[in-house]
C-alpha atoms as a PDB file:
ATOM      1  CA  MET A   1      20.362  28.160  47.292  1.00  0.00           C
ATOM      2  CA  SER A   2      16.625  27.674  47.074  1.00  0.00           C
ATOM      3  CA  ILE A   3      13.881  30.273  47.002  1.00  0.00           C
ATOM      4  CA  TRP A   4      10.190  29.557  46.665  1.00  0.00           C
ATOM      5  CA  TRP A   5       6.999  31.510  47.057  1.00  0.00           C
ATOM      6  CA  SER A   6       3.306  30.968  46.433  1.00  0.00           C
ATOM      7  CA  LEU A   7       0.575  33.513  45.807  1.00  0.00           C
ATOM      8  CA  HIS A   8      -3.175  33.078  45.912  1.00  0.00           C
ATOM      9  CA  LEU A   9      -4.550  35.787  43.639  1.00  0.00           C
ATOM     10  CA  ARG A  10      -7.990  37.005  42.655  1.00  0.00           C
ATOM     11  CA  ARG A  11      -8.962  36.408  39.050  1.00  0.00           C
ATOM     12  CA  GLU A  12      -8.559  40.077  38.194  1.00  0.00           C
ATOM     13  CA  ALA A  13      -6.342  41.650  35.546  1.00  0.00           C
ATOM     14  CA  ALA A  14      -4.562  43.704  38.249  1.00  0.00           C
ATOM     15  CA  SER A  15      -3.168  40.506  39.791  1.00  0.00           C
ATOM     16  CA  VAL A  16      -1.046  39.661  36.736  1.00  0.00           C
ATOM     17  CA  PRO A  17       1.538  42.468  37.083  1.00  0.00           C
ATOM     18  CA  LEU A  18       1.800  41.729  40.818  1.00  0.00           C
ATOM     19  CA  ALA A  19       2.936  38.161  40.122  1.00  0.00           C
ATOM     20  CA  ARG A  20       5.278  39.352  37.376  1.00  0.00           C
ATOM     21  CA  ARG A  21       6.907  42.008  39.606  1.00  0.00           C
ATOM     22  CA  LEU A  22       7.432  39.512  42.422  1.00  0.00           C
ATOM     23  CA  LEU A  23       9.097  37.087  40.011  1.00  0.00           C
ATOM     24  CA  MET A  24      11.313  39.801  38.516  1.00  0.00           C
ATOM     25  CA  GLY A  25      12.338  40.997  41.991  1.00  0.00           C
ATOM     26  CA  THR A  26      13.174  37.451  43.052  1.00  0.00           C
ATOM     27  CA  MET A  27      15.261  36.918  39.915  1.00  0.00           C
ATOM     28  CA  GLU A  28      17.086  40.227  40.353  1.00  0.00           C
ATOM     29  CA  THR A  29      17.857  39.473  44.001  1.00  0.00           C
ATOM     30  CA  ALA A  30      19.160  36.007  43.131  1.00  0.00           C
ATOM     31  CA  GLY A  31      21.378  37.374  40.345  1.00  0.00           C
ATOM     32  CA  VAL A  32      19.641  35.719  37.392  1.00  0.00           C
ATOM     33  CA  ASP A  33      20.582  36.965  33.920  1.00  0.00           C
ATOM     34  CA  PRO A  34      18.062  39.659  32.838  1.00  0.00           C
ATOM     35  CA  ASP A  35      17.268  37.898  29.535  1.00  0.00           C
ATOM     36  CA  VAL A  36      16.284  34.706  31.353  1.00  0.00           C
ATOM     37  CA  SER A  37      14.277  36.725  33.878  1.00  0.00           C
ATOM     38  CA  TYR A  38      12.447  38.484  31.068  1.00  0.00           C
ATOM     39  CA  ASP A  39      11.582  35.213  29.286  1.00  0.00           C
ATOM     40  CA  LEU A  40      10.203  33.732  32.491  1.00  0.00           C
ATOM     41  CA  SER A  41       8.257  36.882  33.321  1.00  0.00           C
ATOM     42  CA  VAL A  42       6.576  36.905  29.889  1.00  0.00           C
ATOM     43  CA  ALA A  43       5.718  33.201  30.237  1.00  0.00           C
ATOM     44  CA  LEU A  44       4.312  33.855  33.730  1.00  0.00           C
ATOM     45  CA  THR A  45       2.270  36.781  32.406  1.00  0.00           C
ATOM     46  CA  GLU A  46       0.718  34.561  29.734  1.00  0.00           C
ATOM     47  CA  ALA A  47      -0.088  31.781  32.213  1.00  0.00           C
ATOM     48  CA  CYS A  48      -1.646  34.246  34.670  1.00  0.00           C
ATOM     49  CA  ALA A  49      -3.657  35.954  31.918  1.00  0.00           C
ATOM     50  CA  ASN A  50      -5.074  32.549  30.961  1.00  0.00           C
ATOM     51  CA  ALA A  51      -6.012  31.827  34.574  1.00  0.00           C
ATOM     52  CA  VAL A  52      -7.728  35.206  34.861  1.00  0.00           C
ATOM     53  CA  GLU A  53      -9.653  34.749  31.609  1.00  0.00           C
ATOM     54  CA  HIS A  54     -10.494  31.036  31.761  1.00  0.00           C
ATOM     55  CA  GLY A  55      -9.890  29.943  35.352  1.00  0.00           C
ATOM     56  CA  GLY A  56     -13.350  30.030  36.859  1.00  0.00           C
ATOM     57  CA  ASP A  57     -16.766  28.494  36.711  1.00  0.00           C
ATOM     58  CA  ALA A  58     -15.741  24.858  37.238  1.00  0.00           C
ATOM     59  CA  VAL A  59     -18.467  22.596  38.559  1.00  0.00           C
ATOM     60  CA  GLY A  60     -18.288  22.854  42.326  1.00  0.00           C
ATOM     61  CA  GLY A  61     -15.458  25.433  42.228  1.00  0.00           C
ATOM     62  CA  THR A  62     -15.563  29.013  43.352  1.00  0.00           C
ATOM     63  CA  GLY A  63     -13.511  30.231  40.414  1.00  0.00           C
ATOM     64  CA  ARG A  64     -12.575  33.505  42.109  1.00  0.00           C
ATOM     65  CA  ALA A  65      -8.874  32.841  42.616  1.00  0.00           C
ATOM     66  CA  TYR A  66      -5.815  31.175  41.146  1.00  0.00           C
ATOM     67  CA  ARG A  67      -2.436  30.171  42.529  1.00  0.00           C
ATOM     68  CA  VAL A  68       1.075  30.979  41.327  1.00  0.00           C
ATOM     69  CA  THR A  69       4.054  29.116  42.793  1.00  0.00           C
ATOM     70  CA  ALA A  70       7.683  29.739  41.835  1.00  0.00           C
ATOM     71  CA  TYR A  71      10.731  27.692  42.808  1.00  0.00           C
ATOM     72  CA  LEU A  72      14.331  28.728  42.205  1.00  0.00           C
ATOM     73  CA  ASP A  73      16.363  25.691  43.092  1.00  0.00           C
ATOM     74  CA  GLY A  74      19.980  25.419  42.047  1.00  0.00           C
ATOM     75  CA  GLU A  75      20.185  26.017  38.321  1.00  0.00           C
ATOM     76  CA  THR A  76      16.450  25.790  37.567  1.00  0.00           C
ATOM     77  CA  CYS A  77      13.365  27.937  37.996  1.00  0.00           C
ATOM     78  CA  ARG A  78      10.001  26.161  37.989  1.00  0.00           C
ATOM     79  CA  ILE A  79       6.718  28.052  37.872  1.00  0.00           C
ATOM     80  CA  GLU A  80       3.227  26.636  38.300  1.00  0.00           C
ATOM     81  CA  VAL A  81      -0.060  28.445  37.700  1.00  0.00           C
ATOM     82  CA  ALA A  82      -3.207  26.592  38.796  1.00  0.00           C
ATOM     83  CA  ASP A  83      -6.815  27.727  38.554  1.00  0.00           C
ATOM     84  CA  SER A  84     -10.221  26.320  39.466  1.00  0.00           C
ATOM     85  CA  GLY A  85     -11.812  26.569  36.034  1.00  0.00           C
ATOM     86  CA  PRO A  86     -12.992  23.827  33.709  1.00  0.00           C
ATOM     87  CA  GLY A  87      -9.424  22.781  32.839  1.00  0.00           C
ATOM     88  CA  PHE A  88      -8.139  21.725  29.469  1.00  0.00           C
ATOM     89  CA  PRO A  89     -10.670  19.817  27.372  1.00  0.00           C
ATOM     90  CA  GLY A  90     -10.388  16.055  26.966  1.00  0.00           C
ATOM     91  CA  ALA A  91      -7.384  13.997  27.901  1.00  0.00           C
ATOM     92  CA  GLN A  92      -4.957  15.895  25.698  1.00  0.00           C
ATOM     93  CA  THR A  93      -1.529  16.654  27.080  1.00  0.00           C
ATOM     94  CA  ALA A  94      -1.322  20.077  25.437  1.00  0.00           C
ATOM     95  CA  PRO A  95      -3.930  22.434  24.055  1.00  0.00           C
ATOM     96  CA  THR A  96      -4.300  22.406  20.297  1.00  0.00           C
ATOM     97  CA  ALA A  97      -2.479  25.078  18.307  1.00  0.00           C
ATOM     98  CA  PRO A  98      -4.605  28.077  17.279  1.00  0.00           C
ATOM     99  CA  SER A  99      -5.364  28.700  13.641  1.00  0.00           C
ATOM    100  CA  ASP A 100      -3.456  31.479  11.895  1.00  0.00           C
ATOM    101  CA  ASP A 101      -6.450  33.834  12.074  1.00  0.00           C
ATOM    102  CA  ALA A 102      -7.426  33.050  15.695  1.00  0.00           C
ATOM    103  CA  GLU A 103      -7.576  35.965  18.107  1.00  0.00           C
ATOM    104  CA  HIS A 104      -6.849  33.801  21.165  1.00  0.00           C
ATOM    105  CA  GLY A 105      -4.720  30.781  21.999  1.00  0.00           C
ATOM    106  CA  ARG A 106      -1.219  31.986  21.291  1.00  0.00           C
ATOM    107  CA  GLY A 107      -0.195  32.480  24.917  1.00  0.00           C
ATOM    108  CA  LEU A 108       0.334  28.787  25.637  1.00  0.00           C
ATOM    109  CA  ARG A 109       2.491  28.446  22.526  1.00  0.00           C
ATOM    110  CA  LEU A 110       4.529  31.454  23.662  1.00  0.00           C
ATOM    111  CA  ILE A 111       5.123  29.764  27.027  1.00  0.00           C
ATOM    112  CA  GLU A 112       6.406  26.689  25.171  1.00  0.00           C
ATOM    113  CA  GLU A 113       8.848  28.856  23.209  1.00  0.00           C
ATOM    114  CA  LEU A 114      10.165  30.732  26.254  1.00  0.00           C
ATOM    115  CA  ALA A 115      10.559  27.823  28.695  1.00  0.00           C
ATOM    116  CA  ASP A 116      12.732  24.722  28.500  1.00  0.00           C
ATOM    117  CA  HIS A 117      10.030  22.298  29.642  1.00  0.00           C
ATOM    118  CA  VAL A 118       6.256  22.841  29.820  1.00  0.00           C
ATOM    119  CA  GLN A 119       3.401  20.728  31.154  1.00  0.00           C
ATOM    120  CA  PHE A 120      -0.297  21.385  30.657  1.00  0.00           C
ATOM    121  CA  GLY A 121      -2.686  19.399  32.805  1.00  0.00           C
ATOM    122  CA  ASN A 122      -5.828  19.352  34.864  1.00  0.00           C
ATOM    123  CA  ARG A 123      -6.055  19.308  38.634  1.00  0.00           C
ATOM    124  CA  SER A 124      -7.305  15.956  39.821  1.00  0.00           C
ATOM    125  CA  GLY A 125     -10.501  15.877  41.800  1.00  0.00           C
ATOM    126  CA  ARG A 126     -11.172  19.582  42.181  1.00  0.00           C
ATOM    127  CA  GLY A 127     -11.059  20.650  38.545  1.00  0.00           C
ATOM    128  CA  GLY A 128      -9.024  23.413  37.024  1.00  0.00           C
ATOM    129  CA  ALA A 129      -6.046  23.778  34.737  1.00  0.00           C
ATOM    130  CA  VAL A 130      -2.385  23.613  35.732  1.00  0.00           C
ATOM    131  CA  VAL A 131       0.351  25.116  33.589  1.00  0.00           C
ATOM    132  CA  SER A 132       3.870  24.430  34.839  1.00  0.00           C
ATOM    133  CA  PHE A 133       7.104  25.342  33.153  1.00  0.00           C
ATOM    134  CA  ASP A 134      10.772  25.479  33.972  1.00  0.00           C
ATOM    135  CA  LYS A 135      13.906  27.030  32.607  1.00  0.00           C
ATOM    136  CA  ILE A 136      17.579  26.511  33.288  1.00  0.00           C
ATOM    137  CA  LEU A 137      18.974  29.670  34.848  1.00  0.00           C
ATOM    138  CA  LYS A 138      21.938  31.713  33.695  1.00  0.00           C
ATOM    139  CA  TRP A 139      23.581  34.163  36.041  1.00  0.00           C
ATOM    140  CA  LYS A 140      24.581  37.764  35.485  1.00  0.00           C
ATOM    141  CA  ASP A 141      28.134  38.875  36.118  1.00  0.00           C
ATOM    142  CA  GLY A 142      28.824  40.389  39.497  1.00  0.00           C
ATOM    143  CA  PRO A 143      27.787  39.677  43.072  1.00  0.00           C
ATOM    144  CA  SER A 144      24.449  38.070  43.866  1.00  0.00           C
ATOM    145  CA  LEU A 145      22.719  36.200  46.652  1.00  0.00           C
ATOM    146  CA  LEU A 146      24.246  32.977  45.377  1.00  0.00           C
ATOM    147  CA  MET A 147      27.748  34.234  46.152  1.00  0.00           C
ATOM    148  CA  ALA A 148      26.912  35.448  49.652  1.00  0.00           C
END
């Protein structure tokens, strides 16, 4: 079974729980283990919060929206959050780790801890950051969409 959805959201704090609730509802409907669903929802929350805070003001970009796409395909869930901001600095493959006394920068590290595979990159041509991550799914006991 495959499920996918994509949202185009305004860069407003109120958009973050909307994306999280849609993901949690999708996971519940598909029969995904609640612990896995929770990990993915926290990672999604962090990625969306970054897009809201940093995802605008790119040269030539409107910066008023960001996109969240989720794919549940077989045993894997893949989530991508893309914005139209300045992107990650330089050609680095992952943002640098925050210092111990930093007030910001821990969200991307949290995503790395919660997901099985994470990619940080910049959108080619149009500018903006892309955070994508995936996790192998576990299923809860009992009936689900997958058994239908």
